[in-house]
Protein backbone atom coordinates (compact mmCIF):
# COMPACT_ATOMS: atom_id res chain seq x y z
CA MET A 1 8.18 2.99 5.86
CA SER A 2 8.42 6.32 3.70
CA THR A 3 5.52 7.24 2.00
CA ALA A 4 7.01 7.01 -1.11
CA GLU A 5 7.30 3.62 -0.72
CA TYR A 6 4.03 2.88 0.64
CA SER A 7 2.66 4.40 -2.26
CA ARG A 8 5.09 2.18 -4.00
CA LYS A 9 3.98 -0.78 -2.94
CA LEU A 10 0.55 0.30 -3.34
CA ASP A 11 1.03 0.60 -6.84
CA GLU A 12 2.58 -2.27 -7.59
CA LEU A 13 -0.13 -4.09 -5.48
CA ASP A 14 -2.86 -2.43 -7.61
CA ARG A 15 -0.77 -3.78 -10.76
CA LEU A 16 -0.36 -7.35 -9.91
CA LEU A 17 -4.45 -8.01 -8.64
CA ASN A 18 -6.18 -5.62 -12.09
CA ASP A 19 -3.79 -5.76 -14.67
CA PRO A 20 -5.02 -8.96 -16.89
CA ASP A 21 -1.44 -8.89 -18.66
CA VAL A 22 0.24 -9.50 -14.76
CA PRO A 23 0.35 -13.07 -13.91
CA MET A 24 -0.83 -13.97 -10.34
CA GLN A 25 1.67 -13.59 -7.88
CA PRO A 26 -0.07 -15.10 -4.44
CA ASP A 27 3.52 -14.48 -2.58
CA ARG A 28 3.56 -11.38 -3.53
CA ILE A 29 0.13 -10.02 -3.21
CA TRP A 30 0.01 -11.34 0.17
CA SER A 31 3.84 -9.47 1.12
CA LEU A 32 2.62 -6.52 -0.10
CA LEU A 33 -0.69 -6.85 1.94
CA ALA A 34 1.49 -7.64 5.19
CA ASP A 35 3.86 -4.36 4.51
CA VAL A 36 0.87 -1.88 3.83
CA SER A 37 -1.24 -3.10 6.59
CA ARG A 38 1.33 -3.01 9.56
CA PRO A 39 0.19 0.40 12.11
CA GLU A 40 3.21 1.79 11.03
CA ALA A 41 3.29 1.80 7.82
CA ALA A 42 -0.18 3.12 7.92
CA ALA A 43 1.39 5.96 10.57
CA ALA A 44 3.64 7.43 8.34
CA VAL A 45 0.96 7.89 5.97
CA ARG A 46 -1.47 9.32 8.66
CA GLY A 47 1.29 11.72 8.96
CA ALA A 48 1.98 13.39 5.62
CA MET A 49 -1.57 13.36 4.81
CA PRO A 50 -3.55 16.14 6.26
CA ARG A 51 -6.63 14.95 8.81
CA PRO A 52 -10.52 15.50 7.92
CA ALA A 53 -12.23 18.39 9.14
CA GLU A 54 -14.21 17.19 12.03
CA GLY A 55 -17.62 17.34 13.21
């Protein structure tokens, strides 16, 4: 999953959970959570973001 796709999914998830004008869609929320929590999704984002300094 690309960084842009990951970001898009997080934005949609945020909207579904926090926008009072959007009806709750539990199936879609769980699907998005499953997508963004996969190890390859996290790896794609880590690869695009600088690592924090250690120490």
